[in-house]
Amino acid sequence: MALQSMVTREQFEITDDGISHTPTGYSRKRNGDEDMGEVGKKLPSGEYYRTDEVRQWAERLWLEQVRQKKFA
């Protein structure tokens, strides 16, 4: 198995429609639809991102975004 790569905040793009992890193509739409992209697979770059970590980061960052908008 490939060596695990570190998930970071900077790897995510957040819009009003959802959130995506740019290295893997993982995305989750506002309505809950999820596209796994290449998460959990060894990428051509040699990177490997664990599914649970990408999902946890995506959820955390999405909630931060929602809270910021709610209290803005």
PDB file of N, CA and C in Angstrom:
ATOM      1  N   MET A   1       0.842  -1.181   0.000  1.00  0.00           N
ATOM      2  CA  MET A   1       0.000   0.000   0.000  1.00  0.00           C
ATOM      3  C   MET A   1       0.884   1.239   0.000  1.00  0.00           C
ATOM      4  N   ALA A   2       0.385   2.306  -0.607  1.00  0.00           N
ATOM      5  CA  ALA A   2       1.115   3.563  -0.683  1.00  0.00           C
ATOM      6  C   ALA A   2       1.186   4.219   0.689  1.00  0.00           C
ATOM      7  N   LEU A   3       2.207   5.024   0.886  1.00  0.00           N
ATOM      8  CA  LEU A   3       2.355   5.780   2.111  1.00  0.00           C
ATOM      9  C   LEU A   3       1.261   6.842   2.182  1.00  0.00           C
ATOM     10  N   GLN A   4       0.635   6.968   3.319  1.00  0.00           N
ATOM     11  CA  GLN A   4      -0.483   7.896   3.483  1.00  0.00           C
ATOM     12  C   GLN A   4      -0.018   9.340   3.361  1.00  0.00           C
ATOM     13  N   SER A   5      -0.774  10.147   2.638  1.00  0.00           N
ATOM     14  CA  SER A   5      -0.498  11.570   2.496  1.00  0.00           C
ATOM     15  C   SER A   5      -1.353  12.355   3.477  1.00  0.00           C
ATOM     16  N   MET A   6      -0.835  13.494   3.917  1.00  0.00           N
ATOM     17  CA  MET A   6      -1.539  14.304   4.888  1.00  0.00           C
ATOM     18  C   MET A   6      -2.609  15.169   4.214  1.00  0.00           C
ATOM     19  N   VAL A   7      -3.813  15.133   4.776  1.00  0.00           N
ATOM     20  CA  VAL A   7      -4.907  15.967   4.301  1.00  0.00           C
ATOM     21  C   VAL A   7      -4.765  17.331   4.965  1.00  0.00           C
ATOM     22  N   THR A   8      -4.904  18.410   4.175  1.00  0.00           N
ATOM     23  CA  THR A   8      -4.806  19.760   4.723  1.00  0.00           C
ATOM     24  C   THR A   8      -5.971  20.619   4.241  1.00  0.00           C
ATOM     25  N   ARG A   9      -6.247  21.656   4.976  1.00  0.00           N
ATOM     26  CA  ARG A   9      -7.319  22.595   4.671  1.00  0.00           C
ATOM     27  C   ARG A   9      -7.165  23.192   3.265  1.00  0.00           C
ATOM     28  N   GLU A  10      -5.958  23.483   2.875  1.00  0.00           N
ATOM     29  CA  GLU A  10      -5.689  24.130   1.597  1.00  0.00           C
ATOM     30  C   GLU A  10      -6.049  23.266   0.392  1.00  0.00           C
ATOM     31  N   GLN A  11      -6.245  21.967   0.598  1.00  0.00           N
ATOM     32  CA  GLN A  11      -6.567  21.054  -0.494  1.00  0.00           C
ATOM     33  C   GLN A  11      -8.055  21.067  -0.856  1.00  0.00           C
ATOM     34  N   PHE A  12      -8.859  21.810  -0.103  1.00  0.00           N
ATOM     35  CA  PHE A  12     -10.306  21.819  -0.326  1.00  0.00           C
ATOM     36  C   PHE A  12     -10.761  23.114  -0.979  1.00  0.00           C
ATOM     37  N   GLU A  13     -11.752  22.965  -1.845  1.00  0.00           N
ATOM     38  CA  GLU A  13     -12.439  24.105  -2.434  1.00  0.00           C
ATOM     39  C   GLU A  13     -13.875  24.055  -1.941  1.00  0.00           C
ATOM     40  N   ILE A  14     -14.341  25.191  -1.418  1.00  0.00           N
ATOM     41  CA  ILE A  14     -15.695  25.253  -0.879  1.00  0.00           C
ATOM     42  C   ILE A  14     -16.475  26.312  -1.645  1.00  0.00           C
ATOM     43  N   THR A  15     -17.651  25.913  -2.109  1.00  0.00           N
ATOM     44  CA  THR A  15     -18.563  26.840  -2.780  1.00  0.00           C
ATOM     45  C   THR A  15     -19.921  26.720  -2.092  1.00  0.00           C
ATOM     46  N   ASP A  16     -20.874  27.518  -2.529  1.00  0.00           N
ATOM     47  CA  ASP A  16     -22.225  27.415  -1.970  1.00  0.00           C
ATOM     48  C   ASP A  16     -22.868  26.077  -2.316  1.00  0.00           C
ATOM     49  N   ASP A  17     -22.373  25.411  -3.356  1.00  0.00           N
ATOM     50  CA  ASP A  17     -22.945  24.134  -3.800  1.00  0.00           C
ATOM     51  C   ASP A  17     -22.359  22.922  -3.106  1.00  0.00           C
ATOM     52  N   GLY A  18     -21.179  23.062  -2.496  1.00  0.00           N
ATOM     53  CA  GLY A  18     -20.567  21.914  -1.844  1.00  0.00           C
ATOM     54  C   GLY A  18     -19.080  22.102  -1.617  1.00  0.00           C
ATOM     55  N   ILE A  19     -18.406  20.993  -1.380  1.00  0.00           N
ATOM     56  CA  ILE A  19     -16.981  21.001  -1.065  1.00  0.00           C
ATOM     57  C   ILE A  19     -16.281  19.912  -1.874  1.00  0.00           C
ATOM     58  N   SER A  20     -15.036  20.171  -2.271  1.00  0.00           N
ATOM     59  CA  SER A  20     -14.281  19.152  -2.996  1.00  0.00           C
ATOM     60  C   SER A  20     -12.830  19.130  -2.532  1.00  0.00           C
ATOM     61  N   HIS A  21     -12.245  17.948  -2.600  1.00  0.00           N
ATOM     62  CA  HIS A  21     -10.840  17.735  -2.261  1.00  0.00           C
ATOM     63  C   HIS A  21     -10.086  17.655  -3.575  1.00  0.00           C
ATOM     64  N   THR A  22      -9.295  18.679  -3.877  1.00  0.00           N
ATOM     65  CA  THR A  22      -8.696  18.786  -5.202  1.00  0.00           C
ATOM     66  C   THR A  22      -7.736  17.658  -5.568  1.00  0.00           C
ATOM     67  N   PRO A  23      -6.917  17.139  -4.656  1.00  0.00           N
ATOM     68  CA  PRO A  23      -6.006  16.072  -5.090  1.00  0.00           C
ATOM     69  C   PRO A  23      -6.721  14.801  -5.567  1.00  0.00           C
ATOM     70  N   THR A  24      -7.857  14.479  -4.957  1.00  0.00           N
ATOM     71  CA  THR A  24      -8.515  13.208  -5.255  1.00  0.00           C
ATOM     72  C   THR A  24      -9.774  13.332  -6.104  1.00  0.00           C
ATOM     73  N   GLY A  25     -10.339  14.525  -6.165  1.00  0.00           N
ATOM     74  CA  GLY A  25     -11.600  14.696  -6.879  1.00  0.00           C
ATOM     75  C   GLY A  25     -12.809  14.335  -6.040  1.00  0.00           C
ATOM     76  N   TYR A  26     -12.593  13.989  -4.770  1.00  0.00           N
ATOM     77  CA  TYR A  26     -13.719  13.721  -3.871  1.00  0.00           C
ATOM     78  C   TYR A  26     -14.570  14.974  -3.777  1.00  0.00           C
ATOM     79  N   SER A  27     -15.896  14.807  -3.789  1.00  0.00           N
ATOM     80  CA  SER A  27     -16.766  15.961  -3.590  1.00  0.00           C
ATOM     81  C   SER A  27     -18.045  15.550  -2.876  1.00  0.00           C
ATOM     82  N   ARG A  28     -18.572  16.510  -2.186  1.00  0.00           N
ATOM     83  CA  ARG A  28     -19.863  16.324  -1.518  1.00  0.00           C
ATOM     84  C   ARG A  28     -20.693  17.565  -1.787  1.00  0.00           C
ATOM     85  N   LYS A  29     -21.850  17.341  -2.342  1.00  0.00           N
ATOM     86  CA  LYS A  29     -22.753  18.435  -2.682  1.00  0.00           C
ATOM     87  C   LYS A  29     -23.567  18.854  -1.462  1.00  0.00           C
ATOM     88  N   ARG A  30     -24.099  20.036  -1.555  1.00  0.00           N
ATOM     89  CA  ARG A  30     -24.933  20.585  -0.484  1.00  0.00           C
ATOM     90  C   ARG A  30     -26.093  19.637  -0.144  1.00  0.00           C
ATOM     91  N   ASN A  31     -26.630  18.950  -1.146  1.00  0.00           N
ATOM     92  CA  ASN A  31     -27.775  18.059  -0.929  1.00  0.00           C
ATOM     93  C   ASN A  31     -27.365  16.691  -0.370  1.00  0.00           C
ATOM     94  N   GLY A  32     -26.055  16.487  -0.132  1.00  0.00           N
ATOM     95  CA  GLY A  32     -25.576  15.237   0.450  1.00  0.00           C
ATOM     96  C   GLY A  32     -25.010  14.241  -0.547  1.00  0.00           C
ATOM     97  N   ASP A  33     -25.209  14.494  -1.852  1.00  0.00           N
ATOM     98  CA  ASP A  33     -24.636  13.597  -2.860  1.00  0.00           C
ATOM     99  C   ASP A  33     -23.113  13.604  -2.733  1.00  0.00           C
ATOM    100  N   GLU A  34     -22.538  12.414  -2.823  1.00  0.00           N
ATOM    101  CA  GLU A  34     -21.099  12.261  -2.629  1.00  0.00           C
ATOM    102  C   GLU A  34     -20.491  11.550  -3.831  1.00  0.00           C
ATOM    103  N   ASP A  35     -19.378  12.097  -4.333  1.00  0.00           N
ATOM    104  CA  ASP A  35     -18.606  11.474  -5.406  1.00  0.00           C
ATOM    105  C   ASP A  35     -17.236  11.152  -4.809  1.00  0.00           C
ATOM    106  N   MET A  36     -16.877   9.894  -4.773  1.00  0.00           N
ATOM    107  CA  MET A  36     -15.641   9.476  -4.114  1.00  0.00           C
ATOM    108  C   MET A  36     -14.387   9.850  -4.897  1.00  0.00           C
ATOM    109  N   GLY A  37     -14.524  10.161  -6.177  1.00  0.00           N
ATOM    110  CA  GLY A  37     -13.336  10.486  -6.954  1.00  0.00           C
ATOM    111  C   GLY A  37     -12.310   9.373  -6.844  1.00  0.00           C
ATOM    112  N   GLU A  38     -11.075   9.724  -6.548  1.00  0.00           N
ATOM    113  CA  GLU A  38      -9.991   8.748  -6.414  1.00  0.00           C
ATOM    114  C   GLU A  38      -9.526   8.588  -4.968  1.00  0.00           C
ATOM    115  N   VAL A  39     -10.340   9.078  -4.020  1.00  0.00           N
ATOM    116  CA  VAL A  39      -9.959   8.957  -2.615  1.00  0.00           C
ATOM    117  C   VAL A  39      -9.866   7.474  -2.253  1.00  0.00           C
ATOM    118  N   GLY A  40      -8.837   7.133  -1.473  1.00  0.00           N
ATOM    119  CA  GLY A  40      -8.627   5.743  -1.078  1.00  0.00           C
ATOM    120  C   GLY A  40      -7.812   4.945  -2.079  1.00  0.00           C
ATOM    121  N   LYS A  41      -7.390   5.594  -3.160  1.00  0.00           N
ATOM    122  CA  LYS A  41      -6.576   4.930  -4.180  1.00  0.00           C
ATOM    123  C   LYS A  41      -5.228   5.637  -4.297  1.00  0.00           C
ATOM    124  N   LYS A  42      -4.229   4.917  -4.733  1.00  0.00           N
ATOM    125  CA  LYS A  42      -2.932   5.542  -4.978  1.00  0.00           C
ATOM    126  C   LYS A  42      -3.054   6.395  -6.242  1.00  0.00           C
ATOM    127  N   LEU A  43      -2.721   7.675  -6.111  1.00  0.00           N
ATOM    128  CA  LEU A  43      -2.807   8.610  -7.231  1.00  0.00           C
ATOM    129  C   LEU A  43      -1.560   8.499  -8.109  1.00  0.00           C
ATOM    130  N   PRO A  44      -1.632   8.952  -9.356  1.00  0.00           N
ATOM    131  CA  PRO A  44      -0.456   8.924 -10.235  1.00  0.00           C
ATOM    132  C   PRO A  44       0.755   9.648  -9.622  1.00  0.00           C
ATOM    133  N   SER A  45       0.488  10.640  -8.774  1.00  0.00           N
ATOM    134  CA  SER A  45       1.563  11.387  -8.117  1.00  0.00           C
ATOM    135  C   SER A  45       2.234  10.573  -7.015  1.00  0.00           C
ATOM    136  N   GLY A  46       1.632   9.418  -6.671  1.00  0.00           N
ATOM    137  CA  GLY A  46       2.152   8.585  -5.598  1.00  0.00           C
ATOM    138  C   GLY A  46       1.476   8.856  -4.265  1.00  0.00           C
ATOM    139  N   GLU A  47       0.641   9.884  -4.211  1.00  0.00           N
ATOM    140  CA  GLU A  47      -0.055  10.216  -2.980  1.00  0.00           C
ATOM    141  C   GLU A  47      -1.197   9.229  -2.732  1.00  0.00           C
ATOM    142  N   TYR A  48      -1.547   9.085  -1.460  1.00  0.00           N
ATOM    143  CA  TYR A  48      -2.657   8.229  -1.054  1.00  0.00           C
ATOM    144  C   TYR A  48      -3.367   8.922   0.097  1.00  0.00           C
ATOM    145  N   TYR A  49      -4.659   9.186  -0.063  1.00  0.00           N
ATOM    146  CA  TYR A  49      -5.456   9.842   0.965  1.00  0.00           C
ATOM    147  C   TYR A  49      -6.517   8.879   1.466  1.00  0.00           C
ATOM    148  N   ARG A  50      -6.552   8.689   2.785  1.00  0.00           N
ATOM    149  CA  ARG A  50      -7.530   7.785   3.388  1.00  0.00           C
ATOM    150  C   ARG A  50      -8.931   8.367   3.274  1.00  0.00           C
ATOM    151  N   THR A  51      -9.876   7.516   2.948  1.00  0.00           N
ATOM    152  CA  THR A  51     -11.267   7.918   2.775  1.00  0.00           C
ATOM    153  C   THR A  51     -11.825   8.580   4.027  1.00  0.00           C
ATOM    154  N   ASP A  52     -11.630   7.964   5.182  1.00  0.00           N
ATOM    155  CA  ASP A  52     -12.202   8.516   6.413  1.00  0.00           C
ATOM    156  C   ASP A  52     -11.635   9.892   6.739  1.00  0.00           C
ATOM    157  N   GLU A  53     -10.356  10.111   6.478  1.00  0.00           N
ATOM    158  CA  GLU A  53      -9.755  11.413   6.774  1.00  0.00           C
ATOM    159  C   GLU A  53     -10.276  12.502   5.846  1.00  0.00           C
ATOM    160  N   VAL A  54     -10.411  12.186   4.570  1.00  0.00           N
ATOM    161  CA  VAL A  54     -10.930  13.175   3.621  1.00  0.00           C
ATOM    162  C   VAL A  54     -12.370  13.515   3.985  1.00  0.00           C
ATOM    163  N   ARG A  55     -13.161  12.537   4.303  1.00  0.00           N
ATOM    164  CA  ARG A  55     -14.564  12.776   4.688  1.00  0.00           C
ATOM    165  C   ARG A  55     -14.647  13.619   5.966  1.00  0.00           C
ATOM    166  N   GLN A  56     -13.832  13.299   6.956  1.00  0.00           N
ATOM    167  CA  GLN A  56     -13.854  14.050   8.209  1.00  0.00           C
ATOM    168  C   GLN A  56     -13.474  15.511   7.986  1.00  0.00           C
ATOM    169  N   TRP A  57     -12.417  15.731   7.215  1.00  0.00           N
ATOM    170  CA  TRP A  57     -12.009  17.103   6.897  1.00  0.00           C
ATOM    171  C   TRP A  57     -13.109  17.833   6.146  1.00  0.00           C
ATOM    172  N   ALA A  58     -13.698  17.176   5.162  1.00  0.00           N
ATOM    173  CA  ALA A  58     -14.752  17.814   4.367  1.00  0.00           C
ATOM    174  C   ALA A  58     -15.918  18.214   5.268  1.00  0.00           C
ATOM    175  N   GLU A  59     -16.331  17.336   6.147  1.00  0.00           N
ATOM    176  CA  GLU A  59     -17.441  17.644   7.038  1.00  0.00           C
ATOM    177  C   GLU A  59     -17.096  18.812   7.960  1.00  0.00           C
ATOM    178  N   ARG A  60     -15.909  18.770   8.544  1.00  0.00           N
ATOM    179  CA  ARG A  60     -15.485  19.826   9.454  1.00  0.00           C
ATOM    180  C   ARG A  60     -15.433  21.186   8.752  1.00  0.00           C
ATOM    181  N   LEU A  61     -14.830  21.226   7.571  1.00  0.00           N
ATOM    182  CA  LEU A  61     -14.706  22.485   6.843  1.00  0.00           C
ATOM    183  C   LEU A  61     -16.060  22.997   6.360  1.00  0.00           C
ATOM    184  N   TRP A  62     -16.936  22.083   5.941  1.00  0.00           N
ATOM    185  CA  TRP A  62     -18.273  22.486   5.513  1.00  0.00           C
ATOM    186  C   TRP A  62     -19.045  23.112   6.682  1.00  0.00           C
ATOM    187  N   LEU A  63     -18.969  22.476   7.858  1.00  0.00           N
ATOM    188  CA  LEU A  63     -19.649  23.024   9.030  1.00  0.00           C
ATOM    189  C   LEU A  63     -19.099  24.396   9.409  1.00  0.00           C
ATOM    190  N   GLU A  64     -17.793  24.583   9.314  1.00  0.00           N
ATOM    191  CA  GLU A  64     -17.192  25.894   9.570  1.00  0.00           C
ATOM    192  C   GLU A  64     -17.776  26.933   8.619  1.00  0.00           C
ATOM    193  N   GLN A  65     -17.882  26.571   7.354  1.00  0.00           N
ATOM    194  CA  GLN A  65     -18.416  27.474   6.338  1.00  0.00           C
ATOM    195  C   GLN A  65     -19.861  27.859   6.658  1.00  0.00           C
ATOM    196  N   VAL A  66     -20.657  26.872   7.018  1.00  0.00           N
ATOM    197  CA  VAL A  66     -22.064  27.120   7.341  1.00  0.00           C
ATOM    198  C   VAL A  66     -22.174  28.037   8.554  1.00  0.00           C
ATOM    199  N   ARG A  67     -21.385  27.773   9.578  1.00  0.00           N
ATOM    200  CA  ARG A  67     -21.419  28.600  10.796  1.00  0.00           C
ATOM    201  C   ARG A  67     -20.994  30.036  10.505  1.00  0.00           C
ATOM    202  N   GLN A  68     -19.966  30.207   9.683  1.00  0.00           N
ATOM    203  CA  GLN A  68     -19.507  31.558   9.340  1.00  0.00           C
ATOM    204  C   GLN A  68     -20.604  32.336   8.621  1.00  0.00           C
ATOM    205  N   LYS A  69     -21.283  31.705   7.711  1.00  0.00           N
ATOM    206  CA  LYS A  69     -22.364  32.375   6.976  1.00  0.00           C
ATOM    207  C   LYS A  69     -23.542  32.687   7.885  1.00  0.00           C
ATOM    208  N   LYS A  70     -23.826  31.784   8.806  1.00  0.00           N
ATOM    209  CA  LYS A  70     -24.960  31.970   9.711  1.00  0.00           C
ATOM    210  C   LYS A  70     -24.754  33.171  10.619  1.00  0.00           C
ATOM    211  N   PHE A  71     -23.519  33.366  11.067  1.00  0.00           N
ATOM    212  CA  PHE A  71     -23.228  34.435  12.028  1.00  0.00           C
ATOM    213  C   PHE A  71     -22.614  35.665  11.378  1.00  0.00           C
ATOM    214  N   ALA A  72     -22.561  35.690  10.077  1.00  0.00           N
ATOM    215  CA  ALA A  72     -21.967  36.854   9.377  1.00  0.00           C
ATOM    216  C   ALA A  72     -22.968  37.981   9.256  1.00  0.00           C
TER     217      ALA A  72
END
